[in-house]
Protein backbone atom coordinates (compact mmCIF):
# COMPACT_ATOMS: atom_id res chain seq x y z
CA MET A 1 129.06 0.80 133.48
CA LEU A 2 128.08 2.02 130.00
CA GLU A 3 126.58 -0.65 127.75
CA LEU A 4 125.64 -0.51 124.09
CA ARG A 5 123.39 -3.45 123.26
CA LYS A 6 123.14 -4.31 119.55
CA VAL A 7 123.00 -0.64 118.62
CA THR A 8 122.32 0.43 115.02
CA LYS A 9 121.95 3.97 113.69
CA THR A 10 120.51 4.41 110.20
CA VAL A 11 120.34 7.77 108.43
CA GLY A 12 118.72 8.08 105.01
CA GLY A 13 118.74 4.33 104.56
CA VAL A 14 122.48 4.12 105.29
CA ASP A 15 123.82 2.41 108.43
CA HIS A 16 126.22 4.77 110.21
CA ILE A 17 126.50 2.26 113.09
CA ARG A 18 125.82 -1.43 112.60
CA ASN A 19 124.87 -3.83 115.40
CA VAL A 20 127.44 -2.60 117.93
CA SER A 21 127.65 -4.13 121.41
CA LEU A 22 130.21 -2.71 123.87
CA SER A 23 130.65 -2.47 127.64
CA PHE A 24 132.80 0.16 129.36
CA GLU A 25 133.57 -0.04 133.08
CA ARG A 26 133.85 2.96 135.38
CA GLY A 27 137.38 4.30 135.80
CA THR A 28 138.54 2.90 132.46
CA LEU A 29 140.09 4.50 129.39
CA ASN A 30 138.51 3.31 126.15
CA VAL A 31 139.79 4.29 122.71
CA LEU A 32 137.70 4.30 119.54
CA LEU A 33 140.19 3.81 116.73
CA GLY A 34 139.32 4.07 113.06
CA PRO A 35 139.71 6.17 109.92
CA THR A 36 137.56 9.18 109.11
CA LEU A 37 133.89 8.18 108.57
CA SER A 38 134.34 4.83 110.33
CA GLY A 39 131.62 5.74 112.86
CA LYS A 40 133.53 7.09 115.87
CA THR A 41 131.61 10.36 116.24
CA SER A 42 128.27 8.68 115.47
CA LEU A 43 128.95 6.16 118.23
CA MET A 44 129.87 8.90 120.71
CA ARG A 45 126.67 10.80 119.94
CA LEU A 46 124.68 7.66 120.78
CA MET A 47 126.62 7.22 124.02
CA ALA A 48 125.95 10.83 125.02
CA GLY A 49 122.24 10.88 124.20
CA LEU A 50 122.61 13.44 121.39
CA ASP A 51 121.15 10.84 119.01
CA ARG A 52 118.84 7.90 119.55
CA PRO A 53 119.64 4.52 117.97
CA THR A 54 117.42 3.17 115.23
CA ALA A 55 117.67 -0.24 116.90
CA GLY A 56 119.21 -1.53 120.13
CA SER A 57 119.59 0.22 123.48
CA VAL A 58 122.00 2.19 125.65
CA TRP A 59 122.36 1.39 129.37
CA PHE A 60 124.18 3.22 132.16
CA ASP A 61 124.70 1.67 135.61
CA GLY A 62 121.93 -0.84 134.96
CA ALA A 63 119.33 1.68 133.74
CA ASP A 64 118.06 1.97 130.18
CA VAL A 65 118.91 5.54 129.10
CA THR A 66 118.18 5.09 125.40
CA GLY A 67 115.62 7.89 125.29
CA VAL A 68 117.21 10.15 127.90
CA PRO A 69 118.53 13.40 126.32
CA VAL A 70 122.07 14.60 126.90
CA GLN A 71 120.84 17.46 129.11
CA LYS A 72 119.67 14.92 131.69
CA ARG A 73 122.91 12.93 131.70
CA ASN A 74 126.17 13.71 133.48
CA VAL A 75 128.25 13.80 130.30
CA ALA A 76 131.23 15.95 129.27
CA MET A 77 132.18 16.20 125.60
CA VAL A 78 135.15 17.77 123.81
CA TYR A 79 135.46 17.84 120.04
CA GLN A 80 138.39 18.47 117.72
CA GLN A 81 136.67 21.72 116.79
CA PHE A 82 136.64 23.53 120.12
CA ILE A 83 133.38 25.00 121.46
CA ASN A 84 133.52 27.86 123.98
CA TYR A 85 131.28 30.73 125.07
CA PRO A 86 132.74 33.72 123.16
CA ALA A 87 131.43 36.42 125.52
CA MET A 88 132.86 34.77 128.64
CA THR A 89 136.43 34.87 129.90
CA VAL A 90 138.48 31.70 130.00
CA TYR A 91 137.86 31.59 133.77
CA GLU A 92 134.08 31.79 133.31
CA ASN A 93 134.13 29.24 130.48
CA ILE A 94 135.88 26.74 132.72
CA ALA A 95 133.67 27.58 135.70
CA SER A 96 130.36 27.36 133.79
CA PRO A 97 129.47 23.71 134.54
CA LEU A 98 130.27 24.23 138.21
CA ARG A 99 128.05 27.29 138.42
CA VAL A 100 125.20 25.38 136.77
CA ALA A 101 125.70 22.61 139.38
CA GLY A 102 125.48 25.14 142.23
CA VAL A 103 129.01 24.63 143.53
CA ASP A 104 130.16 27.24 146.07
CA LYS A 105 132.41 30.07 144.96
CA ALA A 106 135.55 28.98 146.83
CA GLN A 107 135.45 25.46 145.39
CA ILE A 108 134.81 26.83 141.90
CA ASP A 109 137.91 28.97 142.19
CA ARG A 110 140.05 26.03 143.35
CA GLU A 111 138.83 23.72 140.60
CA VAL A 112 139.16 26.31 137.85
CA ARG A 113 142.70 27.24 138.81
CA LYS A 114 143.72 23.60 139.14
CA ALA A 115 142.39 22.79 135.66
CA ALA A 116 143.93 25.96 134.21
CA GLU A 117 147.33 25.01 135.57
CA LEU A 118 147.07 21.54 134.05
CA MET A 119 146.15 22.99 130.66
CA LYS A 120 148.78 25.77 130.81
CA LEU A 121 146.03 28.42 130.82
CA THR A 122 146.76 30.35 134.03
CA PRO A 123 148.09 33.47 132.23
CA TYR A 124 144.96 33.65 130.06
CA LEU A 125 142.13 33.34 132.58
CA ASP A 126 140.98 36.96 132.05
CA ARG A 127 140.94 36.75 128.27
CA THR A 128 137.99 35.86 126.07
CA PRO A 129 138.31 32.92 123.67
CA LEU A 130 138.54 35.18 120.62
CA ASN A 131 141.80 36.52 122.01
CA LEU A 132 143.35 33.05 122.22
CA SER A 133 145.10 30.82 119.72
CA GLY A 134 143.29 27.75 118.45
CA GLY A 135 145.30 25.52 120.76
CA GLN A 136 144.49 27.69 123.77
CA GLN A 137 140.80 27.60 122.92
CA GLN A 138 140.92 23.81 122.73
CA ARG A 139 142.66 23.67 126.10
CA THR A 140 139.86 25.83 127.52
CA ALA A 141 137.28 23.30 126.31
CA LEU A 142 139.32 20.46 127.84
CA ALA A 143 139.61 22.30 131.16
CA ARG A 144 135.82 22.74 131.26
CA ALA A 145 135.42 18.99 130.79
CA VAL A 146 137.94 18.34 133.59
CA VAL A 147 136.07 20.40 136.19
CA LYS A 148 132.64 19.03 135.31
CA ASN A 149 133.37 15.76 137.14
CA ALA A 150 131.15 13.90 134.69
CA SER A 151 130.34 10.19 134.83
CA LEU A 152 131.02 9.85 131.11
CA VAL A 153 133.74 11.84 129.33
CA LEU A 154 133.75 11.74 125.53
CA LEU A 155 136.75 13.19 123.73
CA ASP A 156 136.54 13.25 119.92
CA GLU A 157 140.10 13.76 118.59
CA PRO A 158 140.57 16.52 121.21
CA LEU A 159 144.33 16.99 120.85
CA ALA A 160 144.57 17.25 117.07
CA ASN A 161 144.94 21.05 117.10
CA LEU A 162 147.54 21.24 119.87
CA ASP A 163 151.29 21.57 119.50
CA TYR A 164 153.37 18.39 119.76
CA LYS A 165 154.81 18.98 123.24
CA LEU A 166 151.48 19.76 124.90
CA ARG A 167 149.79 16.91 123.05
CA GLU A 168 152.33 14.45 124.47
CA GLU A 169 151.94 15.86 128.00
CA LEU A 170 148.13 15.63 127.90
CA ARG A 171 148.18 12.11 126.50
CA GLN A 172 149.96 11.07 129.68
CA GLU A 173 147.96 13.25 132.06
CA LEU A 174 144.37 12.96 130.85
CA PRO A 175 143.89 9.19 131.38
CA ARG A 176 145.18 9.46 134.95
CA LEU A 177 143.08 12.54 135.63
CA PHE A 178 139.79 11.09 134.48
CA ALA A 179 140.49 7.63 135.96
CA GLU A 180 140.87 9.24 139.39
CA THR A 181 137.31 10.57 139.13
CA GLY A 182 135.90 7.09 138.41
CA ALA A 183 134.50 8.36 135.12
CA ILE A 184 134.21 6.32 131.95
CA PHE A 185 136.69 7.89 129.55
CA VAL A 186 136.11 7.40 125.79
CA TYR A 187 138.66 8.86 123.39
CA ALA A 188 138.28 8.80 119.60
CA THR A 189 141.30 8.94 117.32
CA THR A 190 142.39 8.10 113.79
CA GLU A 191 145.99 7.52 114.91
CA PRO A 192 147.14 4.02 115.94
CA HIS A 193 150.20 5.34 117.78
CA GLU A 194 147.93 7.58 119.89
CA ALA A 195 145.86 4.55 120.92
CA LEU A 196 149.06 2.74 121.93
CA LEU A 197 150.29 5.75 123.92
CA LEU A 198 146.97 6.06 125.76
CA GLY A 199 146.74 2.33 126.54
CA GLY A 200 143.56 1.12 128.25
CA ASN A 201 141.13 -0.66 125.94
CA THR A 202 140.60 -0.12 122.23
CA ALA A 203 137.65 -0.73 119.94
CA THR A 204 138.62 -0.74 116.26
CA LEU A 205 135.96 0.56 113.88
CA SER A 206 135.41 0.07 110.16
CA GLN A 207 132.36 1.27 108.22
CA GLY A 208 130.24 1.64 111.33
CA ARG A 209 131.13 -1.77 112.72
CA VAL A 210 133.31 -2.64 115.72
CA THR A 211 135.78 -5.24 114.45
CA GLN A 212 137.47 -5.96 117.81
CA PHE A 213 137.50 -4.71 121.41
CA GLY A 214 139.91 -5.49 124.21
CA PRO A 215 143.10 -4.33 125.96
CA THR A 216 144.86 -2.02 123.51
CA ILE A 217 148.13 -3.91 123.32
CA GLU A 218 146.30 -7.22 122.79
CA VAL A 219 144.22 -5.83 119.92
CA PHE A 220 147.41 -4.46 118.36
CA ARG A 221 149.42 -7.65 118.76
CA ARG A 222 146.65 -10.15 118.04
CA PRO A 223 144.15 -8.68 115.58
CA ALA A 224 141.19 -10.95 115.00
CA ASP A 225 141.01 -10.14 111.30
CA LEU A 226 142.78 -8.35 108.48
CA THR A 227 140.52 -5.28 108.76
CA THR A 228 141.53 -4.79 112.40
CA ALA A 229 145.20 -5.29 111.58
CA ARG A 230 145.01 -2.63 108.86
CA THR A 231 143.11 -0.23 111.12
CA PHE A 232 145.85 -0.59 113.75
CA ALA A 233 148.77 0.10 111.38
CA ASP A 234 150.48 3.40 110.58
CA PRO A 235 152.37 3.41 108.21
CA PRO A 236 150.05 1.05 106.31
CA LEU A 237 150.32 -2.66 106.95
CA ASN A 238 152.39 -4.66 104.47
CA SER A 239 150.64 -7.68 102.98
CA MET A 240 150.90 -10.25 100.18
CA GLN A 241 149.19 -13.36 98.91
CA VAL A 242 150.94 -16.69 99.54
CA ARG A 243 150.24 -20.38 99.33
CA LYS A 244 151.17 -22.71 102.16
CA SER A 245 152.86 -25.86 100.99
CA GLY A 246 154.09 -28.19 103.69
CA GLY A 247 156.27 -26.21 106.05
CA GLU A 248 156.64 -23.17 103.80
CA PHE A 249 154.79 -20.15 102.48
CA VAL A 250 155.37 -19.78 98.75
CA LEU A 251 155.24 -16.23 97.37
CA ASP A 252 154.00 -15.31 93.89
CA SER A 253 157.63 -14.81 92.82
CA GLY A 254 158.48 -18.37 93.85
CA ALA A 255 160.44 -17.23 96.93
CA LYS A 256 159.76 -19.26 100.07
CA LEU A 257 159.37 -18.37 103.75
CA PRO A 258 159.50 -21.05 106.47
CA ALA A 259 156.17 -21.25 108.31
CA PRO A 260 156.49 -20.59 112.07
CA ALA A 261 156.22 -23.68 114.26
CA GLU A 262 152.74 -22.80 115.57
CA LEU A 263 151.45 -22.78 111.98
CA ALA A 264 152.84 -26.20 111.09
CA GLY A 265 149.39 -27.77 111.24
CA LEU A 266 147.77 -25.12 109.05
CA ALA A 267 146.11 -26.61 105.98
CA ASP A 268 147.86 -26.18 102.64
CA ALA A 269 145.88 -23.36 100.98
CA ALA A 270 146.01 -19.73 99.89
CA TYR A 271 146.42 -17.09 102.62
CA THR A 272 147.16 -13.42 103.10
CA VAL A 273 150.23 -12.76 105.23
CA ALA A 274 150.90 -9.32 106.71
CA PHE A 275 153.70 -7.66 108.65
CA GLN A 276 154.55 -4.25 110.07
CA PRO A 277 157.07 -1.86 108.40
CA HIS A 278 159.53 -2.34 111.28
CA HIS A 279 159.48 -6.10 110.68
CA LEU A 280 161.03 -5.61 107.25
CA SER A 281 164.78 -4.95 107.36
CA MET A 282 167.97 -4.72 105.32
CA THR A 283 169.78 -7.26 107.52
CA ARG A 284 168.96 -10.76 108.70
CA LYS A 285 167.81 -10.37 112.31
CA HIS A 286 166.90 -14.03 112.78
CA GLY A 287 168.12 -17.24 111.21
CA ASP A 288 164.78 -17.92 109.50
CA ALA A 289 164.49 -14.41 108.04
CA GLN A 290 164.48 -14.63 104.25
CA PRO A 291 165.55 -12.01 101.68
CA VAL A 292 163.42 -10.91 98.75
CA ARG A 293 164.39 -8.36 96.12
CA ALA A 294 162.19 -5.26 95.99
CA THR A 295 162.45 -1.91 94.21
CA VAL A 296 162.45 1.50 95.91
CA THR A 297 159.69 3.82 94.70
CA VAL A 298 159.94 6.65 97.27
CA ALA A 299 162.09 7.37 100.34
CA GLU A 300 160.98 9.63 103.21
CA ILE A 301 163.59 10.79 105.73
CA THR A 302 162.12 11.93 109.05
CA GLY A 303 165.43 12.83 110.73
CA SER A 304 166.26 9.72 112.73
CA GLU A 305 164.41 7.23 110.50
CA THR A 306 163.83 6.52 106.84
CA PHE A 307 160.63 5.12 105.38
CA ALA A 308 161.36 3.27 102.15
CA HIS A 309 158.35 2.62 99.92
CA LEU A 310 158.96 -0.58 97.99
CA ALA A 311 157.45 -2.41 95.04
CA TYR A 312 157.49 -6.20 95.16
CA GLY A 313 155.65 -7.52 92.12
CA LYS A 314 152.11 -6.16 92.39
CA ASP A 315 152.49 -5.51 96.15
CA ARG A 316 153.47 -2.20 97.71
CA TRP A 317 155.31 -2.23 101.06
CA VAL A 318 156.84 0.23 103.49
CA MET A 319 160.08 -0.51 105.36
CA LEU A 320 161.11 1.43 108.46
CA ALA A 321 164.90 1.76 108.54
CA HIS A 322 166.60 3.42 111.49
CA GLY A 323 168.96 6.25 110.55
CA ILE A 324 169.26 8.26 107.37
CA HIS A 325 169.48 6.25 104.14
CA ASN A 326 169.85 7.81 100.71
CA PHE A 327 167.60 5.37 98.85
CA LYS A 328 167.01 6.25 95.21
CA PRO A 329 163.81 5.59 93.22
CA GLY A 330 164.34 2.51 91.08
CA GLN A 331 167.07 1.14 93.36
CA ALA A 332 166.93 -2.63 93.93
CA LEU A 333 167.07 -3.72 97.59
CA ASP A 334 167.34 -7.13 99.21
CA VAL A 335 165.04 -6.91 102.23
CA PHE A 336 164.47 -9.53 104.91
CA ILE A 337 161.07 -10.74 106.11
CA ASP A 338 161.14 -12.30 109.55
CA PRO A 339 158.54 -15.13 109.58
CA ARG A 340 158.23 -14.92 113.38
CA HIS A 341 156.26 -11.69 112.95
CA LEU A 342 153.93 -12.74 110.16
CA MET A 343 150.20 -12.36 110.68
CA VAL A 344 148.27 -14.93 108.67
CA PHE A 345 144.67 -14.57 107.50
CA ASP A 346 142.41 -16.96 105.62
CA ALA A 347 140.40 -16.21 102.47
CA GLY A 348 137.72 -14.52 104.56
CA GLY A 349 140.23 -12.26 106.30
CA LYS A 350 140.09 -14.05 109.66
CA ALA A 351 143.32 -14.53 111.65
CA VAL A 352 144.46 -18.15 111.75
CA GLY A 353 147.07 -20.20 113.56
CA GLY A 354 146.66 -19.06 117.18
CA ASP A 355 148.70 -15.96 118.02
CA ALA A 356 148.86 -14.46 114.53
CA ARG A 357 151.35 -11.87 115.67
CA LYS A 358 154.12 -13.01 117.99
CA ALA A 359 155.38 -9.59 119.05
CA ALA A 360 155.00 -5.91 118.25
């Protein structure tokens, strides 16, 4: 087990990591999800022993390893910017951790060729990294991490430079591969959909702070606060200010949404309600769904879907519409908000009313 106990990292008087406590079990996949500069890489460097925390401690399998350097830990790391030995062939790059560990030649050959096949590198084993594409160089770094059989595997946005097809294949293969070794697998990403595809557990980060940690699908469906909900939304989360009055939420425009049954006992007050782009539609999908009139600002057609950017008073929303729609800027649209999928947050940004999100 890897444990971070109230870890803080301060650089130049600025907290890069603030009072983080996390526990990762062996054989688990753990995603660090957050925007650029949220603290993902800083946290990984503390886990690996590349940096020492300003306060708090790092434990591995019951031992305090806070001051133990990375060279004395069984850690494999892969960054978005690939790192390989330029004078070595792909084969030797992959084999290097096994040679350092004193593994016999026959086993090295088996492990290298197995990893090369997984990473689609078999035809390139005799080349040097400078004669590879960027994606092939990244796959070489990943293959080296695979063969190392490390106790802790840290992957910092490792698939960002790969083509779409290979990225999708590795997203499915890597968690299974590392789980079989019993390693702790920590994967950093800025992309919410990547966290959902990987599964496992997710820690959402914002400004060096972990806002929530738990099974990925639970964090996505039931964010503890508005910051977590926004971190786990791509396209951006839709939100607006409302006032609860009796059994209804009253919008700034005067329009009303029926409050879901589980929120009936919520005190009459001001709240922020939020909902995902796919929970905004052009048709009534449920009897309680209510229409509001918004204005199209921009439309993005992706091929099978259309993202309509909408203005509703001072709020800006995104609606995901299946199919191709020729929305025009300035066009008025009646769109339906389904109250069953509303997430509700109090003035402090904390989720209220039990399961704030009923379904994804």
